[in-house]
């Protein structure tokens, strides 16, 4: 259960020989089986309501419990606290209030039918402790200053690097919108075909979380409160907090993380220098994924349907 103190505010249309294949030899191009069974949304309808219906919450809860066999309740994916320990809320990666114009671009880049996006799909939502949720969404002067997810691990690095080469195109470390190829591709085809593949993430705080309380994590999610439950505490920058496995695919997280970074690191100088200043504990691979997430998001945002 988190003890953080919240802030007051809270297809493919073209064939280009120099573009990499969506997947390399280790990552076959195939719809991820878990995603393929997700509930489709009828075309020409967008779900934009911020409140979830009962069946939508149940779908999220079912996916979360699959990550912890034996879990008898939904729980915060960071603290593993059930509703017996904390107030649990449902957080979107692509916000429910995302403007239609931005969703049009996203659907173009993701090669999905226009107006078909359901933002209340379980792929776009995870449960969080109420305080962590507030930090996840927290802004000051329209800049995020809470925390975000970062895809981590060698397989994640390979996938995100491949996505960057496809959507961003140029190898430049500071690409401009004019250089983006306006590429279209279903992101699910970048992922391994095995149904058992899990998406791993690191919890990354912005510097403003230095004064936050510790994040407490139960060793296992339990439905009923128990004084014997083992709890560990982690402190800023939460580098020792274990990697978190989520049911949420990388591209939903890239949208959220890239959106947050793009509002702060607005110039090449800021990107190259301030990222290292703000996140000195990230290793070279993690920093590469961080920069890639920002560029992929900006390429999606620059799409021209």
Protein backbone atom coordinates (compact mmCIF):
# COMPACT_ATOMS: atom_id res chain seq x y z
CA UNK A 1 0.00 0.00 0.00
CA UNK A 2 1.47 3.23 -1.08
CA UNK A 3 2.00 5.95 1.52
CA UNK A 4 2.67 8.65 -1.00
CA UNK A 5 1.25 12.05 -0.21
CA UNK A 6 -0.61 13.32 -3.29
CA UNK A 7 -0.20 16.79 -4.68
CA UNK A 8 -3.21 19.11 -4.63
CA UNK A 9 -3.39 19.07 -8.46
CA UNK A 10 -3.98 16.40 -10.03
CA UNK A 11 -2.74 -1.85 -45.06
CA UNK A 12 0.54 -0.87 -44.17
CA UNK A 13 0.21 1.61 -46.95
CA UNK A 14 3.64 1.62 -48.50
CA UNK A 15 6.65 -0.55 -49.05
CA UNK A 16 10.02 1.05 -48.37
CA UNK A 17 13.11 -1.01 -48.90
CA UNK A 18 15.11 0.88 -46.28
CA UNK A 19 12.50 0.39 -43.58
CA UNK A 20 13.16 -2.53 -41.22
CA UNK A 21 10.83 -5.47 -40.96
CA UNK A 22 8.36 -5.10 -38.11
CA UNK A 23 10.06 -7.97 -36.33
CA UNK A 24 13.47 -9.62 -36.48
CA UNK A 25 14.22 -13.33 -36.56
CA UNK A 26 13.36 -13.67 -32.88
CA UNK A 27 10.12 -11.74 -33.11
CA UNK A 28 7.75 -13.18 -35.66
CA UNK A 29 5.14 -10.91 -37.17
CA UNK A 30 1.95 -12.15 -35.64
CA UNK A 31 -0.89 -10.75 -33.62
CA UNK A 32 -0.25 -11.38 -29.98
CA UNK A 33 -2.62 -14.13 -28.91
CA UNK A 34 -3.70 -12.39 -25.74
CA UNK A 35 -4.61 -9.28 -27.66
CA UNK A 36 -6.32 -11.20 -30.45
CA UNK A 37 -8.90 -12.40 -27.94
CA UNK A 38 -9.64 -8.91 -26.65
CA UNK A 39 -13.17 -7.64 -27.09
CA UNK A 40 -13.38 -5.68 -30.35
CA UNK A 41 -15.09 -2.35 -30.57
CA UNK A 42 -17.60 -1.84 -33.38
CA UNK A 43 -16.30 0.41 -36.13
CA UNK A 44 -17.27 4.07 -36.22
CA UNK A 45 -17.69 4.34 -32.46
CA UNK A 46 -15.30 5.67 -29.86
CA UNK A 47 -15.52 4.99 -26.18
CA UNK A 48 -14.47 8.19 -24.48
CA UNK A 49 -16.16 8.03 -21.09
CA UNK A 50 -13.78 8.29 -18.14
CA UNK A 51 -15.90 6.05 -15.88
CA UNK A 52 -15.73 2.33 -16.47
CA UNK A 53 -18.68 -0.01 -16.69
CA UNK A 54 -18.74 -3.07 -14.47
CA UNK A 55 -17.78 -5.47 -17.25
CA UNK A 56 -14.86 -3.22 -18.25
CA UNK A 57 -13.47 -3.21 -14.71
CA UNK A 58 -13.96 -6.97 -14.59
CA UNK A 59 -12.00 -7.38 -17.83
CA UNK A 60 -9.11 -5.39 -16.37
CA UNK A 61 -9.24 -7.32 -13.09
CA UNK A 62 -9.20 -10.65 -14.94
CA UNK A 63 -6.07 -9.65 -16.85
CA UNK A 64 -4.32 -8.42 -13.72
CA UNK A 65 -5.04 -11.59 -11.75
CA UNK A 66 -3.51 -13.67 -14.54
CA UNK A 67 -0.18 -12.01 -13.71
CA UNK A 68 -0.24 -13.35 -10.16
CA UNK A 69 -1.61 -16.91 -10.19
CA UNK A 70 -3.48 -17.47 -6.96
CA UNK A 71 -4.42 -13.85 -6.43
CA UNK A 72 -8.00 -13.76 -5.14
CA UNK A 73 -8.65 -10.07 -5.73
CA UNK A 74 -7.73 -7.21 -7.98
CA UNK A 75 -4.80 -5.15 -6.74
CA UNK A 76 -2.58 -2.17 -7.44
CA UNK A 77 0.00 -3.34 -9.99
CA UNK A 78 2.78 -1.47 -8.14
CA UNK A 79 2.05 -2.01 -4.44
CA UNK A 80 0.07 -5.27 -4.84
CA UNK A 81 -2.37 -3.81 -2.33
CA UNK A 82 -5.95 -5.07 -2.65
CA UNK A 83 -9.01 -2.97 -1.78
CA UNK A 84 -8.61 -4.31 1.78
CA UNK A 85 -5.43 -2.24 2.11
CA UNK A 86 -6.02 0.78 -0.07
CA UNK A 87 -8.44 2.57 -2.37
CA UNK A 88 -7.89 1.14 -5.87
CA UNK A 89 -8.57 3.19 -8.99
CA UNK A 90 -8.28 2.46 -12.71
CA UNK A 91 -5.70 4.45 -14.65
CA UNK A 92 -5.71 4.97 -18.42
CA UNK A 93 -2.51 5.07 -20.48
CA UNK A 94 -4.09 6.84 -23.45
CA UNK A 95 -6.30 9.27 -21.52
CA UNK A 96 -10.04 9.04 -21.97
CA UNK A 97 -10.05 12.79 -22.72
CA UNK A 98 -7.63 12.47 -25.67
CA UNK A 99 -8.91 14.77 -28.47
CA UNK A 100 -10.44 13.11 -31.52
CA UNK A 101 -7.84 14.75 -33.77
CA UNK A 102 -5.07 13.00 -31.84
CA UNK A 103 -6.92 9.69 -31.94
CA UNK A 104 -7.33 10.06 -35.72
CA UNK A 105 -3.54 10.32 -36.01
CA UNK A 106 -2.98 7.44 -33.63
CA UNK A 107 -5.36 5.19 -35.55
CA UNK A 108 -3.57 6.12 -38.77
CA UNK A 109 -0.15 5.26 -37.33
CA UNK A 110 -1.46 2.06 -35.72
CA UNK A 111 -3.18 1.08 -38.99
CA UNK A 112 -6.58 0.61 -37.37
CA UNK A 113 -9.97 1.68 -38.63
CA UNK A 114 -10.85 5.29 -38.04
CA UNK A 115 -13.15 5.94 -35.06
CA UNK A 116 -12.71 2.35 -33.85
CA UNK A 117 -10.53 3.00 -30.80
CA UNK A 118 -11.95 1.93 -27.46
CA UNK A 119 -10.00 3.71 -24.75
CA UNK A 120 -11.71 1.60 -22.10
CA UNK A 121 -10.22 -1.62 -23.40
CA UNK A 122 -8.33 -3.63 -20.80
CA UNK A 123 -5.15 -3.11 -22.87
CA UNK A 124 -5.25 0.58 -21.95
CA UNK A 125 -6.03 0.37 -18.23
CA UNK A 126 -4.43 -0.89 -15.05
CA UNK A 127 -5.40 -0.59 -11.37
CA UNK A 128 -3.38 1.69 -9.10
CA UNK A 129 -3.43 2.74 -5.48
CA UNK A 130 -5.23 6.10 -5.28
CA UNK A 131 -2.10 8.04 -4.28
CA UNK A 132 0.04 6.45 -6.98
CA UNK A 133 -2.73 7.21 -9.47
CA UNK A 134 -2.63 10.88 -8.51
CA UNK A 135 1.14 10.95 -8.96
CA UNK A 136 0.79 9.13 -12.28
CA UNK A 137 -1.45 11.92 -13.59
CA UNK A 138 0.03 14.84 -11.65
CA UNK A 139 1.08 18.00 -13.50
CA UNK A 140 2.38 21.45 -12.68
CA UNK A 141 2.18 24.20 -15.30
CA UNK A 142 0.95 21.58 -17.75
CA UNK A 143 4.10 19.47 -17.26
CA UNK A 144 3.99 16.03 -15.69
CA UNK A 145 6.01 15.67 -12.52
CA UNK A 146 4.92 12.34 -11.08
CA UNK A 147 6.08 9.08 -12.63
CA UNK A 148 5.80 6.95 -15.75
CA UNK A 149 6.39 3.43 -17.03
CA UNK A 150 9.49 2.50 -19.02
CA UNK A 151 9.66 -0.78 -20.99
CA UNK A 152 12.69 -2.62 -19.68
CA UNK A 153 14.76 -5.70 -20.42
CA UNK A 154 16.65 -6.89 -23.49
CA UNK A 155 13.57 -8.07 -25.38
CA UNK A 156 11.80 -4.78 -24.73
CA UNK A 157 14.85 -2.90 -26.01
CA UNK A 158 14.83 -4.90 -29.26
CA UNK A 159 11.11 -4.34 -29.78
CA UNK A 160 11.17 -0.61 -29.00
CA UNK A 161 14.26 -0.09 -31.17
CA UNK A 162 12.47 -1.83 -34.04
CA UNK A 163 9.39 0.31 -33.51
CA UNK A 164 11.48 3.47 -33.51
CA UNK A 165 13.18 2.54 -36.80
CA UNK A 166 9.80 1.88 -38.40
CA UNK A 167 7.77 4.84 -37.14
CA UNK A 168 10.51 7.46 -36.77
CA UNK A 169 12.56 6.37 -39.76
CA UNK A 170 15.67 8.52 -39.44
CA UNK A 171 18.61 7.39 -37.35
CA UNK A 172 19.10 10.94 -36.13
CA UNK A 173 19.02 11.30 -32.36
CA UNK A 174 17.04 14.51 -32.80
CA UNK A 175 14.58 13.89 -35.65
CA UNK A 176 12.28 16.63 -36.89
CA UNK A 177 8.63 16.08 -37.89
CA UNK A 178 9.57 16.62 -41.55
CA UNK A 179 11.75 13.51 -41.35
CA UNK A 180 9.04 11.20 -40.07
CA UNK A 181 7.89 8.70 -42.72
CA UNK A 182 4.17 8.86 -41.81
CA UNK A 183 4.37 5.09 -41.43
CA UNK A 184 1.40 2.85 -40.69
CA UNK A 185 1.69 -0.46 -38.92
CA UNK A 186 -0.28 -2.39 -36.32
CA UNK A 187 1.91 -2.30 -33.18
CA UNK A 188 0.79 -5.75 -32.05
CA UNK A 189 2.79 -7.21 -34.93
CA UNK A 190 6.03 -6.07 -33.31
CA UNK A 191 5.52 -8.42 -30.38
CA UNK A 192 6.54 -12.07 -29.98
CA UNK A 193 3.88 -14.50 -31.08
CA UNK A 194 3.90 -16.63 -27.93
CA UNK A 195 0.86 -16.09 -25.73
CA UNK A 196 3.04 -16.32 -22.63
CA UNK A 197 4.99 -13.15 -23.47
CA UNK A 198 4.72 -10.60 -20.69
CA UNK A 199 5.34 -6.87 -20.86
CA UNK A 200 7.90 -5.73 -18.30
CA UNK A 201 8.29 -2.19 -17.03
CA UNK A 202 10.36 -0.08 -14.70
CA UNK A 203 8.78 2.51 -12.42
CA UNK A 204 10.49 5.84 -13.23
CA UNK A 205 9.85 9.00 -11.18
CA UNK A 206 10.37 12.58 -12.25
CA UNK A 207 12.75 14.55 -9.97
CA UNK A 208 9.79 16.20 -8.23
CA UNK A 209 9.09 12.89 -6.49
CA UNK A 210 12.26 13.18 -4.41
CA UNK A 211 10.17 14.38 -1.48
CA UNK A 212 7.53 11.66 -1.80
CA UNK A 213 7.03 8.98 0.79
CA UNK A 214 8.19 5.44 0.19
CA UNK A 215 6.37 3.06 -2.09
CA UNK A 216 5.38 0.02 -0.09
CA UNK A 217 4.95 -3.30 -1.84
CA UNK A 218 3.37 -6.48 -0.52
CA UNK A 219 5.13 -9.73 -1.34
CA UNK A 220 1.84 -11.10 -2.70
CA UNK A 221 -1.63 -9.60 -3.28
CA UNK A 222 -4.16 -10.85 -0.74
CA UNK A 223 -7.86 -10.11 -0.58
CA UNK A 224 -8.15 -9.78 3.20
CA UNK A 225 -5.99 -7.66 5.46
CA UNK A 226 -3.37 -9.60 7.42
CA UNK A 227 -0.94 -8.15 9.97
CA UNK A 228 1.46 -10.94 8.97
CA UNK A 229 1.73 -9.75 5.38
CA UNK A 230 5.32 -8.98 4.38
CA UNK A 231 5.88 -5.46 3.11
CA UNK A 232 9.00 -3.87 1.62
CA UNK A 233 9.63 -0.15 1.29
CA UNK A 234 11.31 1.53 -1.67
CA UNK A 235 12.56 5.08 -1.88
CA UNK A 236 13.26 7.60 -4.64
CA UNK A 237 14.46 6.94 -7.31
CA UNK A 238 12.93 3.47 -6.72
CA UNK A 239 15.75 1.82 -8.66
CA UNK A 240 15.52 -1.30 -6.49
CA UNK A 241 11.76 -1.62 -6.95
CA UNK A 242 11.38 -4.90 -8.88
CA UNK A 243 10.31 -4.77 -12.50
CA UNK A 244 6.56 -4.76 -12.89
CA UNK A 245 4.85 -7.18 -15.28
CA UNK A 246 1.74 -5.76 -16.88
CA UNK A 247 -0.91 -6.95 -19.31
CA UNK A 248 -0.67 -3.52 -21.02
CA UNK A 249 1.21 -3.67 -24.37
CA UNK A 250 4.17 -1.38 -24.94
CA UNK A 251 2.52 0.94 -27.45
CA UNK A 252 -0.10 2.13 -24.97
CA UNK A 253 2.68 2.90 -22.48
CA UNK A 254 4.76 4.61 -25.20
CA UNK A 255 1.87 6.98 -25.80
CA UNK A 256 1.67 7.90 -22.13
CA UNK A 257 5.40 8.11 -21.48
CA UNK A 258 6.14 9.93 -24.73
CA UNK A 259 3.35 12.41 -24.04
CA UNK A 260 4.78 13.21 -20.62
CA UNK A 261 8.35 13.56 -21.85
CA UNK A 262 7.45 15.67 -24.89
CA UNK A 263 5.96 18.42 -22.75
CA UNK A 264 9.18 18.82 -20.77
CA UNK A 265 12.10 17.98 -23.04
CA UNK A 266 11.10 20.21 -25.91
CA UNK A 267 14.46 20.84 -27.60
CA UNK A 268 17.45 18.70 -28.65
CA UNK A 269 19.61 20.28 -25.94
CA UNK A 270 17.05 19.50 -23.25
CA UNK A 271 16.67 15.96 -24.53
CA UNK A 272 20.39 15.21 -24.65
CA UNK A 273 21.44 16.93 -21.44
CA UNK A 274 18.51 17.18 -19.09
CA UNK A 275 17.44 13.54 -19.48
CA UNK A 276 20.76 12.43 -18.06
CA UNK A 277 20.51 15.05 -15.34
CA UNK A 278 16.98 14.07 -14.34
CA UNK A 279 17.40 10.28 -14.60
CA UNK A 280 21.07 9.54 -13.79
CA UNK A 281 20.28 6.06 -12.47
CA UNK A 282 19.05 4.77 -15.85
CA UNK A 283 21.58 2.65 -17.74
CA UNK A 284 22.43 3.11 -21.43
CA UNK A 285 19.77 0.67 -22.67
CA UNK A 286 17.07 2.22 -20.51
CA UNK A 287 18.01 5.70 -21.68
CA UNK A 288 17.82 4.48 -25.28
CA UNK A 289 14.28 3.21 -24.68
CA UNK A 290 13.36 6.47 -22.95
CA UNK A 291 14.46 8.58 -25.91
CA UNK A 292 12.84 6.15 -28.37
CA UNK A 293 9.50 6.41 -26.55
CA UNK A 294 9.53 10.18 -26.91
CA UNK A 295 10.40 10.05 -30.63
CA UNK A 296 7.84 7.33 -31.42
CA UNK A 297 5.10 9.32 -29.69
CA UNK A 298 6.06 12.47 -31.59
CA UNK A 299 6.06 10.54 -34.88
CA UNK A 300 2.54 9.28 -34.11
CA UNK A 301 1.47 12.81 -33.18
CA UNK A 302 2.84 14.11 -36.50
CA UNK A 303 0.93 11.53 -38.57
CA UNK A 304 -1.06 12.82 -41.50
CA UNK A 305 -4.12 10.61 -42.12
